[in-house]
Amino acid sequence: MLISTAYAQAAPAATSGAESSLLSLLPLVLMFVVLYFIMIRPQMKRQKEHKAMVEALAKGDEIVTAGGLAGRISKLGDSYIGVEIADGVEVQVQRNAVAQVLPKGTLK
């Protein structure tokens, strides 16, 4: 006939199920460790530094907001600060909107 007879093959050697599952999870664990050290840890460090900077704001500090406004702090509140951006022009911004504290004398 045209169809040949099929014979059963010998079973492969038995391996431990726990060993093969641990080896298959190893790349996933390694990727998470690399992701933690490259992305998560530096981001947490930046957040901690920003929080410390926002808490240390004082009246008279020269700042730049996240929106790009540059000015001098004239009033401090718990969640808002008053920023004088020109003579007699003051705006209220959230404390968290402060992006950078400038060195004294930067603004004239």
C-alpha atoms as a PDB file:
ATOM      1  CA  MET A   1       0.000   0.000   0.000  1.00  0.00           C
ATOM      2  CA  LEU A   2       0.882   3.644  -0.141  1.00  0.00           C
ATOM      3  CA  ILE A   3       0.615   4.264   3.597  1.00  0.00           C
ATOM      4  CA  SER A   4       3.459   2.986   5.756  1.00  0.00           C
ATOM      5  CA  THR A   5       2.980   1.621   9.220  1.00  0.00           C
ATOM      6  CA  ALA A   6       3.670   4.024  12.111  1.00  0.00           C
ATOM      7  CA  TYR A   7       5.730   2.765  15.008  1.00  0.00           C
ATOM      8  CA  ALA A   8       5.879   4.329  18.477  1.00  0.00           C
ATOM      9  CA  GLN A   9       9.074   6.101  19.407  1.00  0.00           C
ATOM     10  CA  ALA A  10      10.900   5.690  22.677  1.00  0.00           C
ATOM     11  CA  ALA A  11       9.859   8.201  25.369  1.00  0.00           C
ATOM     12  CA  PRO A  12      12.382  10.979  26.076  1.00  0.00           C
ATOM     13  CA  ALA A  13      14.321  10.888  29.325  1.00  0.00           C
ATOM     14  CA  ALA A  14      12.299  12.234  32.230  1.00  0.00           C
ATOM     15  CA  THR A  15      13.397  15.658  33.540  1.00  0.00           C
ATOM     16  CA  SER A  16      12.363  17.390  36.694  1.00  0.00           C
ATOM     17  CA  GLY A  17       9.347  19.689  36.124  1.00  0.00           C
ATOM     18  CA  ALA A  18      10.490  22.201  38.737  1.00  0.00           C
ATOM     19  CA  GLU A  19      13.909  22.555  37.153  1.00  0.00           C
ATOM     20  CA  SER A  20      12.547  23.335  33.689  1.00  0.00           C
ATOM     21  CA  SER A  21       9.986  25.846  35.042  1.00  0.00           C
ATOM     22  CA  LEU A  22      12.689  27.723  36.980  1.00  0.00           C
ATOM     23  CA  LEU A  23      14.843  27.940  33.873  1.00  0.00           C
ATOM     24  CA  SER A  24      11.935  29.282  31.849  1.00  0.00           C
ATOM     25  CA  LEU A  25      11.300  32.031  34.464  1.00  0.00           C
ATOM     26  CA  LEU A  26      14.944  33.086  34.639  1.00  0.00           C
ATOM     27  CA  PRO A  27      14.857  35.473  31.625  1.00  0.00           C
ATOM     28  CA  LEU A  28      11.726  37.165  32.986  1.00  0.00           C
ATOM     29  CA  VAL A  29      13.324  37.690  36.401  1.00  0.00           C
ATOM     30  CA  LEU A  30      16.519  39.020  34.810  1.00  0.00           C
ATOM     31  CA  MET A  31      14.521  41.479  32.671  1.00  0.00           C
ATOM     32  CA  PHE A  32      12.707  42.781  35.768  1.00  0.00           C
ATOM     33  CA  VAL A  33      15.986  43.263  37.645  1.00  0.00           C
ATOM     34  CA  VAL A  34      17.498  45.195  34.722  1.00  0.00           C
ATOM     35  CA  LEU A  35      14.305  47.277  34.373  1.00  0.00           C
ATOM     36  CA  TYR A  36      14.429  48.126  38.085  1.00  0.00           C
ATOM     37  CA  PHE A  37      18.024  49.372  37.991  1.00  0.00           C
ATOM     38  CA  ILE A  38      17.703  51.229  34.681  1.00  0.00           C
ATOM     39  CA  MET A  39      14.254  52.841  34.977  1.00  0.00           C
ATOM     40  CA  ILE A  40      12.474  52.477  38.313  1.00  0.00           C
ATOM     41  CA  ARG A  41      15.284  53.278  40.757  1.00  0.00           C
ATOM     42  CA  PRO A  42      16.476  56.496  39.023  1.00  0.00           C
ATOM     43  CA  GLN A  43      12.866  57.721  38.748  1.00  0.00           C
ATOM     44  CA  MET A  44      12.311  57.173  42.472  1.00  0.00           C
ATOM     45  CA  LYS A  45      15.537  59.082  43.192  1.00  0.00           C
ATOM     46  CA  ARG A  46      14.384  62.049  41.054  1.00  0.00           C
ATOM     47  CA  GLN A  47      10.996  62.098  42.815  1.00  0.00           C
ATOM     48  CA  LYS A  48      12.703  62.132  46.202  1.00  0.00           C
ATOM     49  CA  GLU A  49      14.997  65.013  45.167  1.00  0.00           C
ATOM     50  CA  HIS A  50      12.052  67.018  43.756  1.00  0.00           C
ATOM     51  CA  LYS A  51      10.049  66.536  46.950  1.00  0.00           C
ATOM     52  CA  ALA A  52      12.994  67.751  49.051  1.00  0.00           C
ATOM     53  CA  MET A  53      13.431  70.792  46.768  1.00  0.00           C
ATOM     54  CA  VAL A  54       9.723  71.701  46.985  1.00  0.00           C
ATOM     55  CA  GLU A  55       9.737  71.376  50.783  1.00  0.00           C
ATOM     56  CA  ALA A  56      12.835  73.608  51.043  1.00  0.00           C
ATOM     57  CA  LEU A  57      11.332  76.533  49.088  1.00  0.00           C
ATOM     58  CA  ALA A  58      11.587  79.865  50.879  1.00  0.00           C
ATOM     59  CA  LYS A  59      10.366  83.390  50.299  1.00  0.00           C
ATOM     60  CA  GLY A  60      12.707  85.227  47.921  1.00  0.00           C
ATOM     61  CA  ASP A  61      13.889  82.114  46.055  1.00  0.00           C
ATOM     62  CA  GLU A  62      14.085  82.499  42.285  1.00  0.00           C
ATOM     63  CA  ILE A  63      12.351  79.627  40.501  1.00  0.00           C
ATOM     64  CA  VAL A  64      11.247  78.294  37.129  1.00  0.00           C
ATOM     65  CA  THR A  65       7.886  76.524  36.916  1.00  0.00           C
ATOM     66  CA  ALA A  66       7.071  73.491  34.801  1.00  0.00           C
ATOM     67  CA  GLY A  67       5.229  75.833  32.423  1.00  0.00           C
ATOM     68  CA  GLY A  68       8.338  77.953  31.919  1.00  0.00           C
ATOM     69  CA  LEU A  69       7.468  80.966  34.086  1.00  0.00           C
ATOM     70  CA  ALA A  70      10.449  82.409  35.897  1.00  0.00           C
ATOM     71  CA  GLY A  71       9.982  84.531  38.968  1.00  0.00           C
ATOM     72  CA  ARG A  72      10.632  85.181  42.638  1.00  0.00           C
ATOM     73  CA  ILE A  73       8.587  83.592  45.433  1.00  0.00           C
ATOM     74  CA  SER A  74       6.588  86.255  47.273  1.00  0.00           C
ATOM     75  CA  LYS A  75       4.139  84.134  49.304  1.00  0.00           C
ATOM     76  CA  LEU A  76       4.278  80.592  50.622  1.00  0.00           C
ATOM     77  CA  GLY A  77       1.303  78.374  51.356  1.00  0.00           C
ATOM     78  CA  ASP A  78       0.776  74.689  52.018  1.00  0.00           C
ATOM     79  CA  SER A  79      -0.076  73.758  48.434  1.00  0.00           C
ATOM     80  CA  TYR A  80       0.221  77.064  46.520  1.00  0.00           C
ATOM     81  CA  ILE A  81       2.915  79.708  46.262  1.00  0.00           C
ATOM     82  CA  GLY A  82       2.792  83.266  44.996  1.00  0.00           C
ATOM     83  CA  VAL A  83       5.346  83.979  42.294  1.00  0.00           C
ATOM     84  CA  GLU A  84       6.178  87.521  41.263  1.00  0.00           C
ATOM     85  CA  ILE A  85       6.968  87.355  37.554  1.00  0.00           C
ATOM     86  CA  ALA A  86       7.277  91.156  37.022  1.00  0.00           C
ATOM     87  CA  ASP A  87       7.006  94.282  39.150  1.00  0.00           C
ATOM     88  CA  GLY A  88       3.503  94.207  40.618  1.00  0.00           C
ATOM     89  CA  VAL A  89       2.494  91.016  38.725  1.00  0.00           C
ATOM     90  CA  GLU A  90       1.978  87.976  40.916  1.00  0.00           C
ATOM     91  CA  VAL A  91       0.603  84.565  39.954  1.00  0.00           C
ATOM     92  CA  GLN A  92      -0.416  81.632  42.108  1.00  0.00           C
ATOM     93  CA  VAL A  93       1.093  78.251  41.200  1.00  0.00           C
ATOM     94  CA  GLN A  94       1.070  74.862  42.843  1.00  0.00           C
ATOM     95  CA  ARG A  95       4.179  73.982  44.806  1.00  0.00           C
ATOM     96  CA  ASN A  96       4.645  70.817  42.732  1.00  0.00           C
ATOM     97  CA  ALA A  97       4.798  72.935  39.546  1.00  0.00           C
ATOM     98  CA  VAL A  98       8.216  74.262  40.543  1.00  0.00           C
ATOM     99  CA  ALA A  99      10.713  72.648  38.191  1.00  0.00           C
ATOM    100  CA  GLN A 100      13.949  74.309  39.288  1.00  0.00           C
ATOM    101  CA  VAL A 101      15.347  76.692  41.877  1.00  0.00           C
ATOM    102  CA  LEU A 102      17.659  79.206  40.216  1.00  0.00           C
ATOM    103  CA  PRO A 103      20.819  80.625  41.806  1.00  0.00           C
ATOM    104  CA  LYS A 104      20.344  83.952  43.580  1.00  0.00           C
ATOM    105  CA  GLY A 105      20.657  86.962  41.285  1.00  0.00           C
ATOM    106  CA  THR A 106      19.688  85.095  38.109  1.00  0.00           C
ATOM    107  CA  LEU A 107      16.589  87.254  37.613  1.00  0.00           C
ATOM    108  CA  LYS A 108      17.112  90.994  37.451  1.00  0.00           C
END
